[in-house]
């Protein structure tokens, strides 16, 4: 009976020592996982690869400057995409109103439209007869080889830059995090007015 008790106690000690070993060397313990999710100020934090690990204060500052520039580039890309979308839309609208030989003029088509409603507009005491045409629904623009591949490339680059910034923030390094925020602030301050509403 005493032999069984000694054996059981030996097993308990071995289990506890193995658990302690797992906690000290592995990432299985909740405490170690929690420690990995807090902000830290280690200047030797790798960025994207082990080979990109700042070994000095100057290298760390250079990495932070790179993240600021990358965040600014991200905001510039969003602004460029919005400007390009507006240009494509203007071209589509102009293309719709090009007069073709043998076809009715725009005024004739508007007046004969079933959705056209004649109304009287009063401005500064002057009455003017106008025709209001309601759009039946959302109209999808056609696929164009000169537009859609360019849009796809721009979206891919924008998403790639965004994920690179996200990976930098996920290092939980305070300097990297603040650099990304600084770049977003500078970029939005410079070209934020060109970005479409809802873009991040």
Protein backbone atom coordinates (compact mmCIF):
# COMPACT_ATOMS: atom_id res chain seq x y z
CA UNK A 1 0.00 0.00 0.00
CA UNK A 2 2.84 2.30 0.86
CA UNK A 3 4.57 1.44 -2.39
CA UNK A 4 1.53 2.49 -4.38
CA UNK A 5 1.37 5.77 -2.47
CA UNK A 6 5.02 6.53 -3.17
CA UNK A 7 4.53 5.72 -6.85
CA UNK A 8 1.47 7.94 -7.04
CA UNK A 9 3.36 10.79 -5.42
CA UNK A 10 6.21 10.35 -7.88
CA UNK A 11 3.78 10.55 -10.78
CA UNK A 12 2.24 13.74 -9.40
CA UNK A 13 5.65 15.36 -9.10
CA UNK A 14 6.62 14.38 -12.63
CA UNK A 15 3.35 15.73 -14.00
CA UNK A 16 3.80 19.03 -12.21
CA UNK A 17 7.40 19.34 -13.39
CA UNK A 18 6.39 18.65 -16.99
CA UNK A 19 3.62 21.25 -16.71
CA UNK A 20 6.12 23.74 -15.37
CA UNK A 21 8.45 22.89 -18.21
CA UNK A 22 5.67 23.48 -20.71
CA UNK A 23 4.88 26.83 -19.12
CA UNK A 24 8.50 27.97 -19.14
CA UNK A 25 9.43 26.87 -22.65
CA UNK A 26 6.20 26.56 -24.61
CA UNK A 27 3.25 28.77 -25.46
CA UNK A 28 0.57 26.46 -24.04
CA UNK A 29 -0.06 28.30 -20.78
CA UNK A 30 -2.71 31.05 -20.65
CA UNK A 31 -0.21 33.34 -18.95
CA UNK A 32 2.30 33.10 -21.79
CA UNK A 33 -0.42 33.66 -24.37
CA UNK A 34 -1.61 36.73 -22.47
CA UNK A 35 1.93 38.08 -22.32
CA UNK A 36 2.14 37.88 -26.12
CA UNK A 37 -0.90 40.13 -26.49
CA UNK A 38 0.34 43.20 -24.63
CA UNK A 39 2.20 46.21 -25.97
CA UNK A 40 5.96 46.16 -25.62
CA UNK A 41 8.76 48.62 -26.33
CA UNK A 42 11.53 46.24 -27.39
CA UNK A 43 13.55 47.97 -30.11
CA UNK A 44 14.75 44.60 -31.44
CA UNK A 45 11.27 43.54 -32.59
CA UNK A 46 11.37 41.75 -35.97
CA UNK A 47 9.28 43.22 -38.78
CA UNK A 48 7.98 40.82 -41.47
CA UNK A 49 11.06 38.55 -41.17
CA UNK A 50 13.78 37.61 -38.69
CA UNK A 51 16.33 39.22 -40.97
CA UNK A 52 14.53 42.54 -40.48
CA UNK A 53 15.30 42.96 -36.80
CA UNK A 54 16.63 46.37 -35.75
CA UNK A 55 19.93 45.96 -33.93
CA UNK A 56 20.38 49.60 -32.95
CA UNK A 57 18.37 52.69 -32.14
CA UNK A 58 19.07 54.10 -35.60
CA UNK A 59 17.82 50.94 -37.31
CA UNK A 60 14.68 51.01 -35.14
CA UNK A 61 14.05 54.65 -36.07
CA UNK A 62 14.52 53.81 -39.74
CA UNK A 63 11.97 51.01 -39.46
CA UNK A 64 9.48 53.37 -37.86
CA UNK A 65 10.03 55.91 -40.65
CA UNK A 66 9.42 53.16 -43.19
CA UNK A 67 6.07 52.36 -41.55
CA UNK A 68 5.10 56.05 -41.58
CA UNK A 69 5.86 56.25 -45.31
CA UNK A 70 4.01 52.99 -45.99
CA UNK A 71 0.91 54.26 -44.19
CA UNK A 72 1.06 57.52 -46.17
CA UNK A 73 1.32 55.49 -49.39
CA UNK A 74 -1.77 53.57 -48.33
CA UNK A 75 -3.78 56.77 -47.98
CA UNK A 76 -2.43 58.05 -51.32
CA UNK A 77 -3.57 54.84 -53.01
CA UNK A 78 -7.07 55.22 -51.58
CA UNK A 79 -7.24 58.80 -52.83
CA UNK A 80 -5.92 57.80 -56.26
CA UNK A 81 -8.54 55.08 -56.55
CA UNK A 82 -11.34 57.51 -55.70
CA UNK A 83 -10.08 60.03 -58.26
CA UNK A 84 -9.81 57.34 -60.91
CA UNK A 85 -13.30 56.04 -60.16
CA UNK A 86 -14.67 59.55 -60.62
CA UNK A 87 -12.87 59.84 -63.97
CA UNK A 88 -14.25 56.51 -65.15
CA UNK A 89 -17.75 57.54 -64.13
CA UNK A 90 -17.45 60.83 -66.00
CA UNK A 91 -16.35 58.99 -69.14
CA UNK A 92 -19.30 56.62 -68.87
CA UNK A 93 -21.74 59.50 -68.46
CA UNK A 94 -20.29 61.37 -71.43
CA UNK A 95 -20.40 58.21 -73.53
CA UNK A 96 -24.13 57.86 -72.88
CA UNK A 97 -24.94 61.30 -74.27
CA UNK A 98 -22.99 61.13 -77.53
CA UNK A 99 -25.35 61.95 -80.41
CA UNK A 100 -25.47 59.21 -83.04
CA UNK A 101 -26.56 59.70 -86.63
CA UNK A 102 -30.12 58.58 -87.30
CA UNK A 103 -31.12 58.48 -83.61
CA UNK A 104 -33.46 60.77 -81.77
CA UNK A 105 -31.99 63.65 -79.82
CA UNK A 106 -31.74 63.59 -76.05
CA UNK A 107 -34.67 65.97 -75.60
CA UNK A 108 -36.87 63.79 -77.80
CA UNK A 109 -35.96 60.64 -75.87
CA UNK A 110 -36.58 62.34 -72.55
CA UNK A 111 -39.97 63.69 -73.57
CA UNK A 112 -41.07 60.27 -74.82
CA UNK A 113 -39.81 58.41 -71.75
CA UNK A 114 -42.59 56.68 -69.78
CA UNK A 115 -40.95 57.77 -66.51
CA UNK A 116 -40.79 61.43 -67.54
CA UNK A 117 -42.96 63.78 -65.50
CA UNK A 118 -43.53 67.40 -66.56
CA UNK A 119 -43.22 69.81 -63.65
CA UNK A 120 -43.05 73.54 -63.05
CA UNK A 121 -40.00 74.92 -61.33
CA UNK A 122 -40.21 78.33 -59.69
CA UNK A 123 -37.02 80.25 -58.99
CA UNK A 124 -36.87 83.95 -58.09
CA UNK A 125 -40.49 84.41 -59.12
CA UNK A 126 -39.93 82.92 -62.60
CA UNK A 127 -41.81 79.77 -63.60
CA UNK A 128 -40.04 77.29 -65.83
CA UNK A 129 -41.36 74.04 -67.25
CA UNK A 130 -39.03 71.10 -66.70
CA UNK A 131 -39.16 67.36 -67.29
CA UNK A 132 -38.03 65.07 -64.46
CA UNK A 133 -37.03 61.50 -65.31
CA UNK A 134 -36.76 59.06 -62.44
CA UNK A 135 -34.21 56.28 -62.71
CA UNK A 136 -35.94 52.89 -62.31
CA UNK A 137 -33.12 51.30 -60.32
CA UNK A 138 -29.39 50.89 -59.85
CA UNK A 139 -27.64 50.51 -63.18
CA UNK A 140 -24.47 48.43 -63.40
CA UNK A 141 -21.71 49.72 -65.62
CA UNK A 142 -20.47 47.28 -68.28
CA UNK A 143 -17.18 45.41 -67.94
CA UNK A 144 -14.42 47.20 -69.81
CA UNK A 145 -10.92 45.91 -70.53
CA UNK A 146 -9.49 49.41 -70.06
CA UNK A 147 -11.10 49.87 -66.64
CA UNK A 148 -11.73 46.68 -64.67
CA UNK A 149 -8.22 45.14 -64.79
CA UNK A 150 -6.76 48.46 -63.64
CA UNK A 151 -9.30 48.59 -60.82
CA UNK A 152 -8.41 45.03 -59.81
CA UNK A 153 -4.68 45.84 -59.70
CA UNK A 154 -5.31 48.96 -57.62
CA UNK A 155 -7.50 47.06 -55.16
CA UNK A 156 -4.89 44.31 -54.84
CA UNK A 157 -2.10 46.80 -54.10
CA UNK A 158 -4.27 48.67 -51.59
CA UNK A 159 -5.17 45.46 -49.76
CA UNK A 160 -1.52 44.33 -49.79
CA UNK A 161 -0.35 47.59 -48.21
CA UNK A 162 -3.16 47.37 -45.67
CA UNK A 163 -2.16 43.86 -44.63
CA UNK A 164 1.48 44.88 -44.29
CA UNK A 165 0.42 47.67 -41.95
CA UNK A 166 -1.78 45.25 -40.03
CA UNK A 167 1.12 42.82 -39.57
CA UNK A 168 3.27 45.67 -38.26
CA UNK A 169 0.60 46.56 -35.69
CA UNK A 170 0.22 42.90 -34.69
CA UNK A 171 3.82 42.86 -33.44
CA UNK A 172 2.40 44.83 -30.49
CA UNK A 173 5.40 47.14 -30.65
CA UNK A 174 4.50 50.62 -29.43
CA UNK A 175 6.84 52.34 -31.87
CA UNK A 176 5.50 50.42 -34.87
CA UNK A 177 1.91 51.07 -33.79
CA UNK A 178 2.45 54.80 -33.34
CA UNK A 179 4.29 55.00 -36.67
CA UNK A 180 1.32 53.49 -38.51
CA UNK A 181 -1.05 55.93 -36.81
CA UNK A 182 1.23 58.84 -37.66
CA UNK A 183 1.35 57.80 -41.31
CA UNK A 184 -2.43 57.50 -41.51
CA UNK A 185 -2.79 60.94 -39.93
CA UNK A 186 -0.34 62.60 -42.30
CA UNK A 187 -1.80 60.86 -45.34
CA UNK A 188 -5.37 61.74 -44.45
CA UNK A 189 -4.36 65.30 -43.68
CA UNK A 190 -2.78 65.62 -47.12
CA UNK A 191 -5.22 63.77 -49.41
CA UNK A 192 -8.12 62.68 -47.22
CA UNK A 193 -10.49 65.02 -49.05
CA UNK A 194 -10.07 62.97 -52.23
CA UNK A 195 -11.03 59.67 -50.64
CA UNK A 196 -14.56 58.42 -51.04
CA UNK A 197 -16.77 58.17 -47.97
CA UNK A 198 -16.52 54.82 -46.20
CA UNK A 199 -12.98 53.98 -47.31
CA UNK A 200 -10.53 53.02 -44.58
